[in-house]
Amino acid sequence: MKTGVVLALSFLALALGGLFLVSTLSNPLLDVWILARDLGLSLAAVSAGVAASLLHRKFTSDEGEAANN
């Protein structure tokens, strides 16, 4: 159950971050600070989505091995 929720939320972060990145790059603003903010937010969302699934997989596999011993 928890794995499904984590994977769904990480997919949502990846999807929204990717959409925000495409939107930002397809219609860039003239203000450099706003463009940097939008790019930073989209890259943070994509990296959070990737990191969430990787960290969940790492820590749940450690718990499973400890329970088997």
N, C-alpha and C. Protein backbone atom coordinates (compact mmCIF):
# COMPACT_ATOMS: atom_id res chain seq x y z
N MET A 1 0.82 -1.19 0.00
CA MET A 1 0.00 0.00 0.00
C MET A 1 0.86 1.25 0.00
N LYS A 2 1.85 1.30 0.89
CA LYS A 2 2.70 2.48 0.98
C LYS A 2 3.52 2.66 -0.28
N THR A 3 3.96 1.56 -0.87
CA THR A 3 4.77 1.65 -2.08
C THR A 3 3.96 2.25 -3.22
N GLY A 4 2.71 1.88 -3.33
CA GLY A 4 1.85 2.43 -4.37
C GLY A 4 1.64 3.92 -4.22
N VAL A 5 1.46 4.37 -2.98
CA VAL A 5 1.27 5.80 -2.73
C VAL A 5 2.53 6.57 -3.06
N VAL A 6 3.68 6.05 -2.64
CA VAL A 6 4.95 6.73 -2.91
C VAL A 6 5.21 6.80 -4.40
N LEU A 7 4.97 5.70 -5.10
CA LEU A 7 5.19 5.70 -6.54
C LEU A 7 4.21 6.62 -7.26
N ALA A 8 2.97 6.68 -6.81
CA ALA A 8 1.99 7.58 -7.43
C ALA A 8 2.37 9.04 -7.21
N LEU A 9 2.81 9.37 -6.01
CA LEU A 9 3.22 10.75 -5.74
C LEU A 9 4.50 11.13 -6.48
N SER A 10 5.42 10.19 -6.60
CA SER A 10 6.64 10.50 -7.34
C SER A 10 6.34 10.66 -8.83
N PHE A 11 5.41 9.84 -9.36
CA PHE A 11 5.00 10.01 -10.76
C PHE A 11 4.32 11.36 -10.95
N LEU A 12 3.49 11.76 -9.99
CA LEU A 12 2.83 13.06 -10.07
C LEU A 12 3.84 14.19 -10.06
N ALA A 13 4.85 14.10 -9.21
CA ALA A 13 5.90 15.14 -9.17
C ALA A 13 6.67 15.18 -10.48
N LEU A 14 6.98 14.01 -11.03
CA LEU A 14 7.67 13.97 -12.32
C LEU A 14 6.82 14.57 -13.44
N ALA A 15 5.56 14.21 -13.46
CA ALA A 15 4.68 14.70 -14.52
C ALA A 15 4.48 16.21 -14.43
N LEU A 16 4.19 16.70 -13.24
CA LEU A 16 3.98 18.14 -13.09
C LEU A 16 5.26 18.93 -13.33
N GLY A 17 6.38 18.41 -12.85
CA GLY A 17 7.65 19.08 -13.10
C GLY A 17 8.00 19.10 -14.57
N GLY A 18 7.74 17.99 -15.26
CA GLY A 18 7.99 17.94 -16.70
C GLY A 18 7.09 18.88 -17.47
N LEU A 19 5.82 18.92 -17.11
CA LEU A 19 4.90 19.85 -17.77
C LEU A 19 5.30 21.31 -17.52
N PHE A 20 5.69 21.61 -16.30
CA PHE A 20 6.10 22.96 -15.95
C PHE A 20 7.38 23.33 -16.71
N LEU A 21 8.28 22.37 -16.87
CA LEU A 21 9.52 22.61 -17.60
C LEU A 21 9.24 22.87 -19.08
N VAL A 22 8.37 22.07 -19.67
CA VAL A 22 8.01 22.27 -21.08
C VAL A 22 7.31 23.61 -21.26
N SER A 23 6.43 23.96 -20.35
CA SER A 23 5.72 25.24 -20.42
C SER A 23 6.69 26.41 -20.30
N THR A 24 7.65 26.29 -19.41
CA THR A 24 8.61 27.37 -19.22
C THR A 24 9.52 27.54 -20.42
N LEU A 25 9.96 26.42 -20.98
CA LEU A 25 10.88 26.50 -22.12
C LEU A 25 10.18 26.87 -23.42
N SER A 26 8.90 26.54 -23.55
CA SER A 26 8.20 26.86 -24.79
C SER A 26 7.79 28.32 -24.87
N ASN A 27 7.59 28.96 -23.73
CA ASN A 27 7.22 30.37 -23.71
C ASN A 27 8.02 31.09 -22.64
N PRO A 28 9.32 31.31 -22.88
CA PRO A 28 10.15 31.93 -21.84
C PRO A 28 9.79 33.40 -21.64
N LEU A 29 9.89 33.84 -20.41
CA LEU A 29 9.62 35.23 -20.08
C LEU A 29 10.86 36.08 -20.30
N LEU A 30 10.66 37.36 -20.42
CA LEU A 30 11.78 38.26 -20.64
C LEU A 30 12.56 38.52 -19.35
N ASP A 31 11.90 38.40 -18.22
CA ASP A 31 12.57 38.63 -16.95
C ASP A 31 13.41 37.41 -16.59
N VAL A 32 14.69 37.64 -16.38
CA VAL A 32 15.63 36.54 -16.10
C VAL A 32 15.33 35.89 -14.75
N TRP A 33 14.93 36.67 -13.77
CA TRP A 33 14.70 36.11 -12.43
C TRP A 33 13.48 35.20 -12.40
N ILE A 34 12.44 35.58 -13.13
CA ILE A 34 11.24 34.74 -13.17
C ILE A 34 11.54 33.46 -13.93
N LEU A 35 12.30 33.56 -15.02
CA LEU A 35 12.68 32.37 -15.77
C LEU A 35 13.53 31.43 -14.92
N ALA A 36 14.47 31.99 -14.17
CA ALA A 36 15.31 31.17 -13.28
C ALA A 36 14.47 30.51 -12.19
N ARG A 37 13.51 31.23 -11.65
CA ARG A 37 12.63 30.66 -10.62
C ARG A 37 11.81 29.50 -11.17
N ASP A 38 11.23 29.71 -12.36
CA ASP A 38 10.41 28.66 -12.97
C ASP A 38 11.24 27.43 -13.31
N LEU A 39 12.43 27.64 -13.84
CA LEU A 39 13.30 26.50 -14.15
C LEU A 39 13.73 25.78 -12.88
N GLY A 40 14.04 26.52 -11.84
CA GLY A 40 14.42 25.91 -10.57
C GLY A 40 13.30 25.09 -9.96
N LEU A 41 12.08 25.62 -10.01
CA LEU A 41 10.94 24.87 -9.47
C LEU A 41 10.67 23.60 -10.26
N SER A 42 10.76 23.68 -11.56
CA SER A 42 10.48 22.49 -12.37
C SER A 42 11.57 21.44 -12.17
N LEU A 43 12.81 21.85 -12.11
CA LEU A 43 13.89 20.89 -11.88
C LEU A 43 13.83 20.30 -10.48
N ALA A 44 13.40 21.09 -9.50
CA ALA A 44 13.25 20.57 -8.14
C ALA A 44 12.13 19.54 -8.08
N ALA A 45 11.04 19.77 -8.80
CA ALA A 45 9.93 18.81 -8.81
C ALA A 45 10.35 17.50 -9.48
N VAL A 46 11.07 17.60 -10.58
CA VAL A 46 11.52 16.39 -11.28
C VAL A 46 12.51 15.62 -10.41
N SER A 47 13.45 16.33 -9.79
CA SER A 47 14.43 15.63 -8.97
C SER A 47 13.79 15.05 -7.71
N ALA A 48 12.78 15.70 -7.14
CA ALA A 48 12.08 15.15 -5.97
C ALA A 48 11.32 13.88 -6.35
N GLY A 49 10.74 13.86 -7.54
CA GLY A 49 10.04 12.67 -7.98
C GLY A 49 10.96 11.48 -8.18
N VAL A 50 12.13 11.75 -8.73
CA VAL A 50 13.11 10.67 -8.94
C VAL A 50 13.68 10.22 -7.60
N ALA A 51 14.04 11.17 -6.75
CA ALA A 51 14.66 10.83 -5.47
C ALA A 51 13.69 10.08 -4.55
N ALA A 52 12.42 10.43 -4.60
CA ALA A 52 11.44 9.77 -3.72
C ALA A 52 11.34 8.29 -4.02
N SER A 53 11.26 7.95 -5.29
CA SER A 53 11.14 6.52 -5.62
C SER A 53 12.43 5.77 -5.33
N LEU A 54 13.57 6.38 -5.60
CA LEU A 54 14.85 5.71 -5.34
C LEU A 54 15.09 5.51 -3.84
N LEU A 55 14.81 6.54 -3.05
CA LEU A 55 15.01 6.43 -1.61
C LEU A 55 14.02 5.46 -0.98
N HIS A 56 12.80 5.45 -1.46
CA HIS A 56 11.81 4.50 -0.93
C HIS A 56 12.24 3.06 -1.23
N ARG A 57 12.72 2.84 -2.43
CA ARG A 57 13.17 1.50 -2.80
C ARG A 57 14.36 1.08 -1.95
N LYS A 58 15.27 2.01 -1.70
CA LYS A 58 16.47 1.68 -0.92
C LYS A 58 16.12 1.34 0.52
N PHE A 59 15.28 2.15 1.15
CA PHE A 59 15.00 1.95 2.56
C PHE A 59 14.01 0.83 2.81
N THR A 60 13.12 0.54 1.88
CA THR A 60 12.22 -0.58 2.09
C THR A 60 12.92 -1.90 1.85
N SER A 61 13.91 -1.94 0.97
CA SER A 61 14.64 -3.18 0.75
C SER A 61 15.52 -3.50 1.97
N ASP A 62 16.04 -2.47 2.65
CA ASP A 62 16.82 -2.70 3.87
C ASP A 62 15.95 -3.26 4.98
N GLU A 63 14.71 -2.78 5.11
CA GLU A 63 13.81 -3.28 6.14
C GLU A 63 13.40 -4.72 5.86
N GLY A 64 13.21 -5.06 4.59
CA GLY A 64 12.83 -6.41 4.23
C GLY A 64 13.92 -7.40 4.51
N GLU A 65 15.17 -7.04 4.29
CA GLU A 65 16.29 -7.93 4.59
C GLU A 65 16.47 -8.11 6.09
N ALA A 66 16.23 -7.05 6.88
CA ALA A 66 16.37 -7.15 8.32
C ALA A 66 15.26 -8.04 8.91
N ALA A 67 14.07 -7.99 8.33
CA ALA A 67 12.97 -8.80 8.83
C ALA A 67 13.18 -10.27 8.52
N ASN A 68 13.86 -10.57 7.41
CA ASN A 68 14.10 -11.96 7.03
C ASN A 68 15.18 -12.63 7.90
N ASN A 69 16.05 -11.84 8.49
CA ASN A 69 17.13 -12.42 9.30
C ASN A 69 16.67 -12.65 10.68
